């Protein structure tokens, strides 16, 4: 859901009229679902772990969506730092 609302937000840049309204509705629904799912996760995972993992997954997913759907650059450094973020999330989840 985190990636979905970022995708919808990205699509609002080029949309107009009814299409724009649908992307904003999708954004709102995905954002609401994302927050709700995060609140469920914090019932069993400490917030200090759940929130960084949640934001990290959203950040990584959004980078991938940006590269695939919005023609954003896939430079070495961008992929390098995305990889280090993935490794950090795994490490945080493991401790």
Protein backbone atom coordinates (compact mmCIF):
# COMPACT_ATOMS: atom_id res chain seq x y z
CA UNK A 1 0.00 0.00 0.00
CA UNK A 2 2.93 2.30 0.69
CA UNK A 3 4.14 1.94 -2.88
CA UNK A 4 0.59 2.17 -4.24
CA UNK A 5 -0.05 5.60 -2.76
CA UNK A 6 3.32 6.85 -4.04
CA UNK A 7 2.44 5.54 -7.51
CA UNK A 8 -0.95 7.28 -7.42
CA UNK A 9 0.71 10.49 -6.31
CA UNK A 10 3.14 10.27 -9.22
CA UNK A 11 0.27 9.79 -11.66
CA UNK A 12 -1.45 12.98 -10.46
CA UNK A 13 1.30 15.07 -12.06
CA UNK A 14 0.03 14.36 -15.58
CA UNK A 15 -3.68 13.74 -15.01
CA UNK A 16 -6.55 16.20 -15.35
CA UNK A 17 -10.28 16.22 -14.71
CA UNK A 18 -11.92 12.93 -13.76
CA UNK A 19 -8.72 10.96 -14.17
CA UNK A 20 -7.03 13.25 -11.65
CA UNK A 21 -9.87 12.71 -9.19
CA UNK A 22 -9.52 8.93 -9.50
CA UNK A 23 -5.77 9.09 -8.84
CA UNK A 24 -6.38 11.26 -5.74
CA UNK A 25 -9.03 8.82 -4.51
CA UNK A 26 -6.61 5.93 -5.08
CA UNK A 27 -3.94 7.86 -3.20
CA UNK A 28 -6.27 8.42 -0.24
CA UNK A 29 -7.44 4.81 -0.10
CA UNK A 30 -3.92 3.39 -0.38
CA UNK A 31 -2.61 5.84 2.24
CA UNK A 32 -5.42 4.92 4.64
CA UNK A 33 -4.84 1.20 4.10
CA UNK A 34 -1.10 1.65 4.55
CA UNK A 35 -1.53 3.42 7.90
CA UNK A 36 -4.06 0.83 9.05
CA UNK A 37 -1.71 -2.02 8.18
CA UNK A 38 1.14 -0.27 9.98
CA UNK A 39 -1.03 0.04 13.08
CA UNK A 40 -1.73 -3.70 12.93
CA UNK A 41 1.99 -4.45 12.58
CA UNK A 42 2.80 -2.38 15.67
CA UNK A 43 0.63 -4.71 17.78
CA UNK A 44 3.36 -7.36 17.56
CA UNK A 45 6.46 -5.48 16.35
CA UNK A 46 8.03 -2.59 18.29
CA UNK A 47 7.35 0.79 16.65
CA UNK A 48 11.11 1.41 16.49
CA UNK A 49 11.36 -1.55 14.11
CA UNK A 50 7.96 -1.42 12.37
CA UNK A 51 8.15 2.20 11.24
CA UNK A 52 11.68 2.07 9.74
CA UNK A 53 10.84 -1.19 7.95
CA UNK A 54 7.56 0.32 6.69
CA UNK A 55 9.21 3.49 5.40
CA UNK A 56 12.14 1.55 3.96
CA UNK A 57 9.88 -0.79 2.02
CA UNK A 58 7.99 2.24 0.75
CA UNK A 59 11.20 4.01 -0.24
CA UNK A 60 12.65 1.01 -2.03
CA UNK A 61 9.37 0.19 -3.74
CA UNK A 62 8.94 3.79 -4.81
CA UNK A 63 12.44 3.90 -6.32
CA UNK A 64 11.64 0.75 -8.31
CA UNK A 65 8.25 2.13 -9.42
CA UNK A 66 9.91 5.40 -10.40
CA UNK A 67 12.46 3.60 -12.54
CA UNK A 68 9.91 1.28 -14.19
CA UNK A 69 6.87 3.53 -14.63
CA UNK A 70 8.18 7.12 -14.51
CA UNK A 71 11.46 6.69 -16.44
CA UNK A 72 13.59 7.87 -13.53
CA UNK A 73 17.32 7.16 -13.84
CA UNK A 74 18.76 3.86 -12.59
CA UNK A 75 22.26 5.13 -11.91
CA UNK A 76 24.93 3.13 -10.14
CA UNK A 77 24.80 5.30 -7.00
CA UNK A 78 21.02 5.24 -6.82
CA UNK A 79 21.00 1.45 -6.99
CA UNK A 80 23.96 1.23 -4.59
CA UNK A 81 22.23 3.26 -1.90
CA UNK A 82 18.93 1.45 -2.47
CA UNK A 83 20.81 -1.82 -1.89
CA UNK A 84 22.37 -0.48 1.32
CA UNK A 85 18.90 0.53 2.48
CA UNK A 86 17.65 -3.01 1.85
CA UNK A 87 20.55 -4.45 3.83
CA UNK A 88 19.87 -2.01 6.67
CA UNK A 89 16.20 -3.01 6.83
CA UNK A 90 17.14 -6.69 6.91
CA UNK A 91 19.66 -6.01 9.66
CA UNK A 92 17.17 -4.01 11.72
CA UNK A 93 14.54 -6.75 11.34
CA UNK A 94 17.04 -9.40 12.44
CA UNK A 95 18.04 -7.69 15.71
